[in-house]
Amino acid sequence: TIESMQAGIYFGYIGMVDEIIRRMIEESKE
């Protein structure tokens, strides 16, 4: 359970951060 929670929190958060940045760059058209 602990490993599963840590993996979900950590890798899930990194995925969110990178996806938000990708979308912002795409929307900027730069």
PDB file of all heavy atoms in Angstrom:
ATOM      1  N   THR A   1       0.818  -1.218   0.000  1.00  0.00           N
ATOM      2  CA  THR A   1       0.000   0.000   0.000  1.00  0.00           C
ATOM      3  C   THR A   1       0.851   1.267   0.000  1.00  0.00           C
ATOM      4  O   THR A   1       0.584   2.204  -0.754  1.00  0.00           O
ATOM      5  CB  THR A   1      -0.932   0.013   1.229  1.00  0.00           C
ATOM      6  OG1 THR A   1      -1.785  -1.118   1.171  1.00  0.00           O
ATOM      7  CG2 THR A   1      -1.789   1.275   1.235  1.00  0.00           C
ATOM      8  N   ILE A   2       1.880   1.291   0.833  1.00  0.00           N
ATOM      9  CA  ILE A   2       2.710   2.492   0.918  1.00  0.00           C
ATOM     10  C   ILE A   2       3.434   2.744  -0.396  1.00  0.00           C
ATOM     11  O   ILE A   2       3.457   3.874  -0.908  1.00  0.00           O
ATOM     12  CB  ILE A   2       3.711   2.374   2.085  1.00  0.00           C
ATOM     13  CG1 ILE A   2       2.950   2.422   3.417  1.00  0.00           C
ATOM     14  CG2 ILE A   2       4.751   3.491   2.026  1.00  0.00           C
ATOM     15  CD1 ILE A   2       3.821   2.249   4.638  1.00  0.00           C
ATOM     16  N   GLU A   3       4.033   1.714  -0.978  1.00  0.00           N
ATOM     17  CA  GLU A   3       4.722   1.872  -2.261  1.00  0.00           C
ATOM     18  C   GLU A   3       3.757   2.323  -3.350  1.00  0.00           C
ATOM     19  O   GLU A   3       4.095   3.157  -4.189  1.00  0.00           O
ATOM     20  CB  GLU A   3       5.378   0.555  -2.680  1.00  0.00           C
ATOM     21  CG  GLU A   3       6.651   0.231  -1.927  1.00  0.00           C
ATOM     22  CD  GLU A   3       7.334  -1.011  -2.493  1.00  0.00           C
ATOM     23  OE1 GLU A   3       6.762  -1.644  -3.407  1.00  0.00           O
ATOM     24  OE2 GLU A   3       8.434  -1.341  -2.030  1.00  0.00           O
ATOM     25  N   SER A   4       2.561   1.770  -3.338  1.00  0.00           N
ATOM     26  CA  SER A   4       1.556   2.125  -4.345  1.00  0.00           C
ATOM     27  C   SER A   4       1.148   3.581  -4.225  1.00  0.00           C
ATOM     28  O   SER A   4       0.994   4.290  -5.222  1.00  0.00           O
ATOM     29  CB  SER A   4       0.330   1.221  -4.213  1.00  0.00           C
ATOM     30  OG  SER A   4       0.667  -0.133  -4.419  1.00  0.00           O
ATOM     31  N   MET A   5       0.970   4.062  -2.981  1.00  0.00           N
ATOM     32  CA  MET A   5       0.613   5.455  -2.767  1.00  0.00           C
ATOM     33  C   MET A   5       1.739   6.387  -3.185  1.00  0.00           C
ATOM     34  O   MET A   5       1.512   7.396  -3.856  1.00  0.00           O
ATOM     35  CB  MET A   5       0.255   5.677  -1.294  1.00  0.00           C
ATOM     36  CG  MET A   5      -1.055   5.024  -0.864  1.00  0.00           C
ATOM     37  SD  MET A   5      -1.348   5.242   0.905  1.00  0.00           S
ATOM     38  CE  MET A   5      -1.571   7.014   1.005  1.00  0.00           C
ATOM     39  N   GLN A   6       2.952   6.050  -2.794  1.00  0.00           N
ATOM     40  CA  GLN A   6       4.084   6.901  -3.147  1.00  0.00           C
ATOM     41  C   GLN A   6       4.291   6.974  -4.656  1.00  0.00           C
ATOM     42  O   GLN A   6       4.578   8.037  -5.209  1.00  0.00           O
ATOM     43  CB  GLN A   6       5.353   6.386  -2.465  1.00  0.00           C
ATOM     44  CG  GLN A   6       5.369   6.637  -0.969  1.00  0.00           C
ATOM     45  CD  GLN A   6       6.577   6.040  -0.282  1.00  0.00           C
ATOM     46  OE1 GLN A   6       7.118   5.024  -0.727  1.00  0.00           O
ATOM     47  NE2 GLN A   6       7.007   6.660   0.814  1.00  0.00           N
ATOM     48  N   ALA A   7       4.113   5.846  -5.331  1.00  0.00           N
ATOM     49  CA  ALA A   7       4.258   5.827  -6.792  1.00  0.00           C
ATOM     50  C   ALA A   7       3.175   6.670  -7.457  1.00  0.00           C
ATOM     51  O   ALA A   7       3.440   7.429  -8.393  1.00  0.00           O
ATOM     52  CB  ALA A   7       4.205   4.384  -7.300  1.00  0.00           C
ATOM     53  N   GLY A   8       1.959   6.529  -6.966  1.00  0.00           N
ATOM     54  CA  GLY A   8       0.856   7.290  -7.549  1.00  0.00           C
ATOM     55  C   GLY A   8       1.015   8.783  -7.348  1.00  0.00           C
ATOM     56  O   GLY A   8       0.792   9.576  -8.265  1.00  0.00           O
ATOM     57  N   ILE A   9       1.400   9.172  -6.133  1.00  0.00           N
ATOM     58  CA  ILE A   9       1.579  10.598  -5.823  1.00  0.00           C
ATOM     59  C   ILE A   9       2.744  11.175  -6.624  1.00  0.00           C
ATOM     60  O   ILE A   9       2.616  12.218  -7.268  1.00  0.00           O
ATOM     61  CB  ILE A   9       1.808  10.801  -4.318  1.00  0.00           C
ATOM     62  CG1 ILE A   9       0.530  10.446  -3.537  1.00  0.00           C
ATOM     63  CG2 ILE A   9       2.231  12.236  -4.016  1.00  0.00           C
ATOM     64  CD1 ILE A   9       0.758  10.295  -2.045  1.00  0.00           C
ATOM     65  N   TYR A  10       3.882  10.491  -6.601  1.00  0.00           N
ATOM     66  CA  TYR A  10       5.097  11.030  -7.212  1.00  0.00           C
ATOM     67  C   TYR A  10       5.019  11.037  -8.738  1.00  0.00           C
ATOM     68  O   TYR A  10       5.127  12.092  -9.376  1.00  0.00           O
ATOM     69  CB  TYR A  10       6.308  10.224  -6.750  1.00  0.00           C
ATOM     70  CG  TYR A  10       7.618  10.775  -7.254  1.00  0.00           C
ATOM     71  CD1 TYR A  10       8.199  11.892  -6.671  1.00  0.00           C
ATOM     72  CD2 TYR A  10       8.284  10.171  -8.322  1.00  0.00           C
ATOM     73  CE1 TYR A  10       9.397  12.410  -7.128  1.00  0.00           C
ATOM     74  CE2 TYR A  10       9.490  10.676  -8.789  1.00  0.00           C
ATOM     75  CZ  TYR A  10      10.042  11.788  -8.192  1.00  0.00           C
ATOM     76  OH  TYR A  10      11.229  12.302  -8.665  1.00  0.00           O
ATOM     77  N   PHE A  11       4.832   9.867  -9.336  1.00  0.00           N
ATOM     78  CA  PHE A  11       4.827   9.797 -10.796  1.00  0.00           C
ATOM     79  C   PHE A  11       3.583  10.463 -11.387  1.00  0.00           C
ATOM     80  O   PHE A  11       3.631  11.036 -12.473  1.00  0.00           O
ATOM     81  CB  PHE A  11       4.931   8.344 -11.261  1.00  0.00           C
ATOM     82  CG  PHE A  11       6.256   7.715 -10.930  1.00  0.00           C
ATOM     83  CD1 PHE A  11       6.326   6.587 -10.116  1.00  0.00           C
ATOM     84  CD2 PHE A  11       7.438   8.250 -11.407  1.00  0.00           C
ATOM     85  CE1 PHE A  11       7.542   6.007  -9.801  1.00  0.00           C
ATOM     86  CE2 PHE A  11       8.664   7.683 -11.098  1.00  0.00           C
ATOM     87  CZ  PHE A  11       8.718   6.557 -10.291  1.00  0.00           C
ATOM     88  N   GLY A  12       2.481  10.385 -10.659  1.00  0.00           N
ATOM     89  CA  GLY A  12       1.276  11.074 -11.119  1.00  0.00           C
ATOM     90  C   GLY A  12       1.467  12.578 -11.149  1.00  0.00           C
ATOM     91  O   GLY A  12       1.014  13.257 -12.078  1.00  0.00           O
ATOM     92  N   TYR A  13       2.162  13.105 -10.150  1.00  0.00           N
ATOM     93  CA  TYR A  13       2.377  14.552 -10.104  1.00  0.00           C
ATOM     94  C   TYR A  13       3.324  15.006 -11.207  1.00  0.00           C
ATOM     95  O   TYR A  13       3.100  16.035 -11.847  1.00  0.00           O
ATOM     96  CB  TYR A  13       2.929  14.964  -8.732  1.00  0.00           C
ATOM     97  CG  TYR A  13       2.605  16.395  -8.408  1.00  0.00           C
ATOM     98  CD1 TYR A  13       1.369  16.745  -7.884  1.00  0.00           C
ATOM     99  CD2 TYR A  13       3.522  17.409  -8.672  1.00  0.00           C
ATOM    100  CE1 TYR A  13       1.050  18.069  -7.619  1.00  0.00           C
ATOM    101  CE2 TYR A  13       3.208  18.731  -8.411  1.00  0.00           C
ATOM    102  CZ  TYR A  13       1.976  19.049  -7.877  1.00  0.00           C
ATOM    103  OH  TYR A  13       1.657  20.366  -7.639  1.00  0.00           O
ATOM    104  N   ILE A  14       4.381  14.244 -11.434  1.00  0.00           N
ATOM    105  CA  ILE A  14       5.309  14.586 -12.512  1.00  0.00           C
ATOM    106  C   ILE A  14       4.593  14.569 -13.861  1.00  0.00           C
ATOM    107  O   ILE A  14       4.798  15.444 -14.704  1.00  0.00           O
ATOM    108  CB  ILE A  14       6.510  13.617 -12.516  1.00  0.00           C
ATOM    109  CG1 ILE A  14       7.380  13.879 -11.301  1.00  0.00           C
ATOM    110  CG2 ILE A  14       7.329  13.758 -13.802  1.00  0.00           C
ATOM    111  CD1 ILE A  14       8.436  12.843 -11.061  1.00  0.00           C
ATOM    112  N   GLY A  15       3.734  13.571 -14.056  1.00  0.00           N
ATOM    113  CA  GLY A  15       2.967  13.499 -15.301  1.00  0.00           C
ATOM    114  C   GLY A  15       2.074  14.712 -15.480  1.00  0.00           C
ATOM    115  O   GLY A  15       1.962  15.264 -16.589  1.00  0.00           O
ATOM    116  N   MET A  16       1.438  15.161 -14.387  1.00  0.00           N
ATOM    117  CA  MET A  16       0.591  16.344 -14.447  1.00  0.00           C
ATOM    118  C   MET A  16       1.403  17.581 -14.812  1.00  0.00           C
ATOM    119  O   MET A  16       1.004  18.371 -15.670  1.00  0.00           O
ATOM    120  CB  MET A  16      -0.100  16.574 -13.097  1.00  0.00           C
ATOM    121  CG  MET A  16      -0.992  17.800 -13.063  1.00  0.00           C
ATOM    122  SD  MET A  16      -1.312  18.422 -11.395  1.00  0.00           S
ATOM    123  CE  MET A  16       0.269  19.188 -11.005  1.00  0.00           C
ATOM    124  N   VAL A  17       2.555  17.752 -14.166  1.00  0.00           N
ATOM    125  CA  VAL A  17       3.395  18.923 -14.417  1.00  0.00           C
ATOM    126  C   VAL A  17       3.829  18.982 -15.882  1.00  0.00           C
ATOM    127  O   VAL A  17       3.689  20.010 -16.552  1.00  0.00           O
ATOM    128  CB  VAL A  17       4.632  18.909 -13.491  1.00  0.00           C
ATOM    129  CG1 VAL A  17       5.659  19.944 -13.937  1.00  0.00           C
ATOM    130  CG2 VAL A  17       4.218  19.169 -12.050  1.00  0.00           C
ATOM    131  N   ASP A  18       4.342  17.879 -16.395  1.00  0.00           N
ATOM    132  CA  ASP A  18       4.816  17.860 -17.782  1.00  0.00           C
ATOM    133  C   ASP A  18       3.687  18.057 -18.787  1.00  0.00           C
ATOM    134  O   ASP A  18       3.869  18.707 -19.821  1.00  0.00           O
ATOM    135  CB  ASP A  18       5.553  16.555 -18.070  1.00  0.00           C
ATOM    136  CG  ASP A  18       6.970  16.544 -17.506  1.00  0.00           C
ATOM    137  OD1 ASP A  18       7.408  17.603 -17.019  1.00  0.00           O
ATOM    138  OD2 ASP A  18       7.627  15.496 -17.553  1.00  0.00           O
ATOM    139  N   GLU A  19       2.515  17.524 -18.493  1.00  0.00           N
ATOM    140  CA  GLU A  19       1.393  17.685 -19.414  1.00  0.00           C
ATOM    141  C   GLU A  19       0.882  19.127 -19.432  1.00  0.00           C
ATOM    142  O   GLU A  19       0.545  19.668 -20.493  1.00  0.00           O
ATOM    143  CB  GLU A  19       0.255  16.738 -19.029  1.00  0.00           C
ATOM    144  CG  GLU A  19      -1.009  16.861 -19.870  1.00  0.00           C
ATOM    145  CD  GLU A  19      -0.804  16.572 -21.352  1.00  0.00           C
ATOM    146  OE1 GLU A  19       0.261  16.031 -21.723  1.00  0.00           O
ATOM    147  OE2 GLU A  19      -1.722  16.889 -22.141  1.00  0.00           O
ATOM    148  N   ILE A  20       0.836  19.756 -18.290  1.00  0.00           N
ATOM    149  CA  ILE A  20       0.424  21.161 -18.241  1.00  0.00           C
ATOM    150  C   ILE A  20       1.397  22.024 -19.037  1.00  0.00           C
ATOM    151  O   ILE A  20       0.989  22.892 -19.815  1.00  0.00           O
ATOM    152  CB  ILE A  20       0.322  21.649 -16.782  1.00  0.00           C
ATOM    153  CG1 ILE A  20      -0.901  21.020 -16.107  1.00  0.00           C
ATOM    154  CG2 ILE A  20       0.227  23.175 -16.727  1.00  0.00           C
ATOM    155  CD1 ILE A  20      -1.026  21.346 -14.633  1.00  0.00           C
ATOM    156  N   ILE A  21       2.687  21.794 -18.840  1.00  0.00           N
ATOM    157  CA  ILE A  21       3.691  22.560 -19.586  1.00  0.00           C
ATOM    158  C   ILE A  21       3.537  22.324 -21.079  1.00  0.00           C
ATOM    159  O   ILE A  21       3.604  23.266 -21.882  1.00  0.00           O
ATOM    160  CB  ILE A  21       5.111  22.183 -19.113  1.00  0.00           C
ATOM    161  CG1 ILE A  21       5.328  22.614 -17.662  1.00  0.00           C
ATOM    162  CG2 ILE A  21       6.169  22.827 -20.017  1.00  0.00           C
ATOM    163  CD1 ILE A  21       6.604  22.101 -17.048  1.00  0.00           C
ATOM    164  N   ARG A  22       3.335  21.075 -21.479  1.00  0.00           N
ATOM    165  CA  ARG A  22       3.162  20.760 -22.902  1.00  0.00           C
ATOM    166  C   ARG A  22       1.979  21.507 -23.498  1.00  0.00           C
ATOM    167  O   ARG A  22       2.070  22.081 -24.590  1.00  0.00           O
ATOM    168  CB  ARG A  22       2.958  19.254 -23.087  1.00  0.00           C
ATOM    169  CG  ARG A  22       2.884  18.821 -24.553  1.00  0.00           C
ATOM    170  CD  ARG A  22       2.329  17.427 -24.704  1.00  0.00           C
ATOM    171  NE  ARG A  22       0.903  17.371 -24.359  1.00  0.00           N
ATOM    172  CZ  ARG A  22      -0.072  17.755 -25.174  1.00  0.00           C
ATOM    173  NH1 ARG A  22       0.196  18.268 -26.366  1.00  0.00           N
ATOM    174  NH2 ARG A  22      -1.332  17.663 -24.781  1.00  0.00           N
ATOM    175  N   ARG A  23       0.887  21.529 -22.780  1.00  0.00           N
ATOM    176  CA  ARG A  23      -0.315  22.203 -23.278  1.00  0.00           C
ATOM    177  C   ARG A  23      -0.115  23.715 -23.360  1.00  0.00           C
ATOM    178  O   ARG A  23      -0.595  24.364 -24.290  1.00  0.00           O
ATOM    179  CB  ARG A  23      -1.516  21.873 -22.386  1.00  0.00           C
ATOM    180  CG  ARG A  23      -2.049  20.461 -22.577  1.00  0.00           C
ATOM    181  CD  ARG A  23      -3.206  20.162 -21.646  1.00  0.00           C
ATOM    182  NE  ARG A  23      -3.755  18.837 -21.895  1.00  0.00           N
ATOM    183  CZ  ARG A  23      -4.744  18.576 -22.760  1.00  0.00           C
ATOM    184  NH1 ARG A  23      -5.309  19.572 -23.441  1.00  0.00           N
ATOM    185  NH2 ARG A  23      -5.175  17.349 -22.930  1.00  0.00           N
ATOM    186  N   MET A  24       0.582  24.287 -22.385  1.00  0.00           N
ATOM    187  CA  MET A  24       0.829  25.728 -22.407  1.00  0.00           C
ATOM    188  C   MET A  24       1.721  26.111 -23.590  1.00  0.00           C
ATOM    189  O   MET A  24       1.483  27.120 -24.263  1.00  0.00           O
ATOM    190  CB  MET A  24       1.459  26.180 -21.083  1.00  0.00           C
ATOM    191  CG  MET A  24       0.505  26.113 -19.907  1.00  0.00           C
ATOM    192  SD  MET A  24       1.262  26.604 -18.320  1.00  0.00           S
ATOM    193  CE  MET A  24       1.448  28.366 -18.558  1.00  0.00           C
ATOM    194  N   ILE A  25       2.743  25.309 -23.842  1.00  0.00           N
ATOM    195  CA  ILE A  25       3.618  25.579 -24.987  1.00  0.00           C
ATOM    196  C   ILE A  25       2.844  25.455 -26.291  1.00  0.00           C
ATOM    197  O   ILE A  25       2.970  26.292 -27.191  1.00  0.00           O
ATOM    198  CB  ILE A  25       4.823  24.615 -24.978  1.00  0.00           C
ATOM    199  CG1 ILE A  25       5.725  24.914 -23.775  1.00  0.00           C
ATOM    200  CG2 ILE A  25       5.619  24.739 -26.277  1.00  0.00           C
ATOM    201  CD1 ILE A  25       6.864  23.929 -23.594  1.00  0.00           C
ATOM    202  N   GLU A  26       2.031  24.427 -26.383  1.00  0.00           N
ATOM    203  CA  GLU A  26       1.231  24.223 -27.592  1.00  0.00           C
ATOM    204  C   GLU A  26       0.270  25.380 -27.829  1.00  0.00           C
ATOM    205  O   GLU A  26       0.112  25.872 -28.944  1.00  0.00           O
ATOM    206  CB  GLU A  26       0.449  22.911 -27.476  1.00  0.00           C
ATOM    207  CG  GLU A  26      -0.403  22.571 -28.678  1.00  0.00           C
ATOM    208  CD  GLU A  26      -1.160  21.269 -28.492  1.00  0.00           C
ATOM    209  OE1 GLU A  26      -0.556  20.266 -28.048  1.00  0.00           O
ATOM    210  OE2 GLU A  26      -2.381  21.251 -28.775  1.00  0.00           O
ATOM    211  N   GLU A  27      -0.353  25.842 -26.754  1.00  0.00           N
ATOM    212  CA  GLU A  27      -1.312  26.941 -26.861  1.00  0.00           C
ATOM    213  C   GLU A  27      -0.632  28.262 -27.184  1.00  0.00           C
ATOM    214  O   GLU A  27      -1.220  29.135 -27.830  1.00  0.00           O
ATOM    215  CB  GLU A  27      -2.095  27.053 -25.557  1.00  0.00           C
ATOM    216  CG  GLU A  27      -3.319  27.938 -25.635  1.00  0.00           C
ATOM    217  CD  GLU A  27      -4.163  27.850 -24.381  1.00  0.00           C
ATOM    218  OE1 GLU A  27      -4.494  26.724 -23.962  1.00  0.00           O
ATOM    219  OE2 GLU A  27      -4.470  28.909 -23.805  1.00  0.00           O
ATOM    220  N   SER A  28       0.602  28.420 -26.762  1.00  0.00           N
ATOM    221  CA  SER A  28       1.327  29.669 -27.017  1.00  0.00           C
ATOM    222  C   SER A  28       1.707  29.831 -28.482  1.00  0.00           C
ATOM    223  O   SER A  28       1.951  30.946 -28.938  1.00  0.00           O
ATOM    224  CB  SER A  28       2.600  29.724 -26.169  1.00  0.00           C
ATOM    225  OG  SER A  28       3.593  28.845 -26.673  1.00  0.00           O
ATOM    226  N   LYS A  29       1.809  28.696 -29.183  1.00  0.00           N
ATOM    227  CA  LYS A  29       2.209  28.692 -30.607  1.00  0.00           C
ATOM    228  C   LYS A  29       3.629  29.219 -30.810  1.00  0.00           C
ATOM    229  O   LYS A  29       3.975  29.701 -31.885  1.00  0.00           O
ATOM    230  CB  LYS A  29       1.214  29.480 -31.464  1.00  0.00           C
ATOM    231  CG  LYS A  29      -0.182  28.880 -31.495  1.00  0.00           C
ATOM    232  CD  LYS A  29      -1.114  29.671 -32.404  1.00  0.00           C
ATOM    233  CE  LYS A  29      -2.447  28.961 -32.584  1.00  0.00           C
ATOM    234  NZ  LYS A  29      -3.150  28.738 -31.320  1.00  0.00           N
ATOM    235  N   GLU A  30       4.434  29.150 -29.752  1.00  0.00           N
ATOM    236  CA  GLU A  30       5.844  29.528 -29.843  1.00  0.00           C
ATOM    237  C   GLU A  30       6.702  28.271 -29.963  1.00  0.00           C
ATOM    238  O   GLU A  30       6.416  27.247 -29.337  1.00  0.00           O
ATOM    239  CB  GLU A  30       6.267  30.322 -28.598  1.00  0.00           C
ATOM    240  CG  GLU A  30       5.588  31.665 -28.445  1.00  0.00           C
ATOM    241  CD  GLU A  30       6.176  32.721 -29.366  1.00  0.00           C
ATOM    242  OE1 GLU A  30       7.168  32.425 -30.065  1.00  0.00           O
ATOM    243  OE2 GLU A  30       5.647  33.852 -29.379  1.00  0.00           O
TER     244      GLU A  30
END
